[in-house]
Amino acid sequence: MTITWKNVSQAAKDLVKGLLTVDPSKRLTIKDLSRNAWLRGSSMSTMHDHLVTPNVLCQASRSLIVRAVNVTMRAFQKAGQFQLSSVIDGLLARRRYTKRSTDSCSSTSSSATTTTNLPDI
C-alpha cells in the first residue's frame, strides 16, 4: 500500500476500484453509485474514515518537491514551444483513416470477386 492510500477507507478504495475497472460490464454504473454507501455517507466506516485528498506534497520532503518541479520545467524547456497538433492530424486519426480505407478496399475487392464469379444468364 502506498503512502497516498494509507488513510483512505476501504469503502472509498472499493469505490475508486469500481470506477476504474477496465471491463465496462464490471464497472460501477450510475445506479450502483446512487446506492453506494460511501457516497451516501451511510456506512459506518465513512463516519470515521474520510477520503483524504492526495497529500503527496504535504508528505514529501521539500527537496523532493523542488527536484520534481525542476525536472518538469527542464522537460518543458527541452520541448521548446510545445503545441498540441490538431485532432485530424493525430496518429489515431491517421490509423483510423488507414484502417477504413483498407477495410473498404478489401470489401470492394471481395464484392468484385463475387460479382465476377456469377454465371452468365
Foldseek 3Di string as FASTA:
>chain_A
DDPQCPLADPLVVVLVCLCPDPDPVSHDDPVNVVVRCLNVVNDPCNVPGPNDDGPVVVPDDPVVVVVVVVVVVVVVVVVPPDDDDDPCPDPVNVVVVVVVVVVVVVVVVVVVVVVVPDDDD
